[in-house]
Protein backbone atom coordinates (compact mmCIF):
# COMPACT_ATOMS: atom_id res chain seq x y z
CA MET A 1 60.61 -38.66 -18.34
CA THR A 2 59.25 -41.96 -19.47
CA ALA A 3 56.26 -42.55 -21.69
CA GLU A 4 54.36 -44.03 -18.76
CA THR A 5 54.93 -40.89 -16.72
CA VAL A 6 53.69 -38.70 -19.59
CA TYR A 7 50.57 -40.86 -19.93
CA MET A 8 50.02 -40.74 -16.17
CA ILE A 9 50.30 -36.93 -16.13
CA TRP A 10 47.98 -36.80 -19.15
CA TRP A 11 45.27 -38.92 -17.47
CA VAL A 12 45.59 -37.07 -14.15
CA SER A 13 45.29 -33.77 -16.02
CA LEU A 14 42.19 -35.01 -17.84
CA ALA A 15 40.69 -36.24 -14.56
CA LEU A 16 41.39 -32.89 -12.88
CA LEU A 17 39.89 -31.09 -15.87
CA LEU A 18 36.78 -33.24 -15.63
CA VAL A 19 36.44 -32.64 -11.88
CA VAL A 20 36.97 -28.88 -12.23
CA THR A 21 34.50 -28.75 -15.12
CA LEU A 22 31.86 -30.60 -13.08
CA VAL A 23 32.40 -28.33 -10.06
CA VAL A 24 32.16 -25.22 -12.24
CA ALA A 25 29.01 -26.56 -13.91
CA LEU A 26 27.47 -27.29 -10.51
CA LEU A 27 28.33 -23.82 -9.20
CA LEU A 28 26.95 -22.15 -12.34
CA THR A 29 23.75 -24.19 -12.01
CA LEU A 30 23.37 -23.04 -8.39
CA ILE A 31 23.99 -19.43 -9.41
CA LEU A 32 21.39 -19.74 -12.19
CA ARG A 33 18.81 -21.17 -9.76
CA SER A 34 19.50 -18.37 -7.29
CA ALA A 35 19.22 -15.75 -10.03
CA ARG A 36 15.89 -17.18 -11.18
CA SER A 37 14.63 -17.23 -7.60
CA ILE A 38 15.71 -13.61 -7.09
CA LEU A 39 14.04 -12.63 -10.36
CA GLY A 40 10.81 -14.31 -9.30
CA VAL A 41 10.79 -12.61 -5.89
CA ALA A 42 11.67 -9.26 -7.47
CA GLY A 43 8.71 -9.69 -9.82
CA GLN A 44 6.41 -10.37 -6.88
CA ILE A 45 7.75 -7.31 -5.07
CA TRP A 46 7.17 -5.20 -8.18
CA THR A 47 3.60 -6.47 -8.50
CA GLN A 48 2.82 -5.85 -4.83
CA GLY A 49 4.41 -2.40 -5.04
CA LYS A 50 2.15 -1.48 -7.94
CA LEU A 51 -0.89 -2.70 -5.99
CA VAL A 52 0.14 -0.60 -2.99
CA ALA A 53 0.63 2.42 -5.25
CA ASN A 54 -2.83 1.90 -6.77
CA ASN A 55 -4.36 1.66 -3.30
CA THR A 56 -2.61 4.75 -1.93
CA ILE A 57 -2.74 7.10 -4.93
CA HIS A 58 -5.87 8.82 -3.59
CA ILE A 59 -4.49 9.58 -0.10
CA PRO A 60 -3.55 13.20 -1.01
CA GLN A 61 -7.19 13.78 -1.95
CA LEU A 62 -8.17 13.01 1.64
CA VAL A 63 -7.03 16.52 2.60
CA GLU A 64 -9.74 17.99 0.37
CA THR A 65 -12.25 15.41 1.62
CA ASN A 66 -11.44 16.35 5.22
CA GLN A 67 -11.99 20.05 4.39
CA HIS A 68 -15.41 19.25 2.93
CA ALA A 69 -16.26 17.09 5.93
CA LEU A 70 -15.28 19.93 8.27
CA ARG A 71 -17.58 22.33 6.40
CA ILE A 72 -20.42 19.78 6.60
CA LEU A 73 -19.79 19.33 10.33
CA THR A 74 -19.79 23.09 10.89
CA THR A 75 -23.07 23.44 9.01
CA ALA A 76 -24.59 20.51 10.90
CA ARG A 77 -23.65 22.12 14.22
CA LYS A 78 -25.34 25.35 13.12
CA ILE A 79 -28.47 23.40 12.15
CA VAL A 80 -28.50 21.64 15.53
CA ALA A 81 -28.04 24.99 17.32
CA GLY A 82 -30.92 26.48 15.30
CA ALA A 83 -33.12 23.48 16.02
CA ASN A 84 -32.33 23.77 19.73
CA ALA A 85 -33.19 27.48 19.66
CA ILE A 86 -36.51 26.73 17.97
CA GLU A 87 -37.24 23.97 20.49
CA GLN A 88 -36.45 26.28 23.44
CA HIS A 89 -38.62 29.01 21.95
CA ALA A 90 -41.50 26.61 21.32
CA GLN A 91 -41.37 25.31 24.90
CA GLY A 92 -41.67 28.78 26.36
CA CYS A 93 -44.01 30.45 23.87
CA PRO A 94 -47.75 29.93 24.33
CA GLY A 95 -48.49 31.25 20.81
CA CYS A 96 -46.32 28.76 18.91
CA PRO A 97 -46.41 27.64 16.18
CA SER A 98 -48.43 30.57 14.86
CA CYS A 99 -45.91 33.11 16.23
CA ALA A 100 -43.06 31.31 14.45
CA LEU A 101 -45.03 31.37 11.20
CA SER A 102 -45.82 35.10 11.56
CA GLY A 103 -42.21 35.92 12.39
CA SER A 104 -42.92 37.62 15.74
CA ASP A 105 -41.58 36.62 19.13
CA ARG A 106 -44.25 36.75 21.89
CA ARG A 107 -42.04 36.04 24.82
């Protein structure tokens, strides 16, 4: 092998090393950008997830709220039924309202 051949192999090797190094640097830069993008999106997902959790933490308490609302509705229906009974009595009783105040039914 001649000295020129050795120098030629040396320069080709250096050129290949430079090209490979540049390609590896480019690929690592792209991976780093992708990782940063993923990290940013993951942070946004985490933030939104916490907001959803804060907005939905009280949902189990709706069961108790619904039970209270049902009791209120039941009581309201009884009040309406009582008011209707009083109205029907008053329409047919000539002595009302004094009979309602005395507690007697003059029907």
